Protein backbone atom coordinates (compact mmCIF):
# COMPACT_ATOMS: atom_id res chain seq x y z
CA UNK A 1 0.00 0.00 0.00
CA UNK A 2 1.28 3.40 -0.98
CA UNK A 3 -0.24 4.98 2.13
CA UNK A 4 1.88 2.80 4.41
CA UNK A 5 5.07 4.01 2.71
CA UNK A 6 3.88 7.60 3.18
CA UNK A 7 3.29 6.91 6.88
CA UNK A 8 6.79 5.48 7.25
CA UNK A 9 8.32 8.57 5.64
CA UNK A 10 6.29 10.87 7.87
CA UNK A 11 7.31 8.93 10.99
CA UNK A 12 10.96 9.20 10.02
CA UNK A 13 10.61 12.97 9.67
CA UNK A 14 8.73 13.17 12.97
CA UNK A 15 11.42 11.18 14.75
CA UNK A 16 14.16 13.52 13.54
CA UNK A 17 12.21 16.62 14.60
CA UNK A 18 11.32 15.07 17.96
CA UNK A 19 15.01 14.51 18.64
CA UNK A 20 15.83 18.12 17.71
CA UNK A 21 12.94 19.41 19.81
CA UNK A 22 14.11 17.46 22.85
CA UNK A 23 17.45 19.25 22.49
CA UNK A 24 15.74 22.64 22.70
CA UNK A 25 14.97 23.49 19.08
CA UNK A 26 11.50 25.06 19.26
CA UNK A 27 11.14 25.32 15.48
CA UNK A 28 11.48 21.53 15.33
CA UNK A 29 8.54 21.28 17.73
CA UNK A 30 6.40 23.30 15.34
CA UNK A 31 7.42 21.04 12.44
CA UNK A 32 6.74 18.00 14.60
CA UNK A 33 3.19 19.14 15.32
CA UNK A 34 2.58 19.66 11.61
CA UNK A 35 3.99 16.26 10.75
CA UNK A 36 1.85 14.60 13.40
CA UNK A 37 -1.23 16.18 11.81
CA UNK A 38 -0.15 14.79 8.44
CA UNK A 39 0.28 11.36 10.05
CA UNK A 40 -3.25 11.57 11.41
CA UNK A 41 -4.64 12.39 7.95
CA UNK A 42 -2.61 9.61 6.30
CA UNK A 43 -3.79 7.09 8.91
CA UNK A 44 -7.41 8.06 8.21
CA UNK A 45 -6.77 7.50 4.49
CA UNK A 46 -5.45 4.00 5.25
CA UNK A 47 -8.50 3.27 7.39
CA UNK A 48 -10.84 4.43 4.63
CA UNK A 49 -9.02 2.36 1.99
CA UNK A 50 -9.14 -0.76 4.14
CA UNK A 51 -12.83 -0.28 4.90
CA UNK A 52 -13.61 0.28 1.23
CA UNK A 53 -11.68 -2.84 0.19
CA UNK A 54 -13.37 -4.89 2.90
CA UNK A 55 -16.83 -3.77 1.87
CA UNK A 56 -16.24 -4.67 -1.77
CA UNK A 57 -15.79 -8.32 -0.87
């Protein structure tokens, strides 16, 4: 699934920003919050795709 690859990429970016934020970089915290929102949206897309595929059967 393409959405899973997107989630992995977003998690990698979030992990890097979380590390920077924990070291005191406030701008990284802002990026982290944005990335987490994107993860939420991508997860909803996966849920919708799975539900749609399940209901077609």
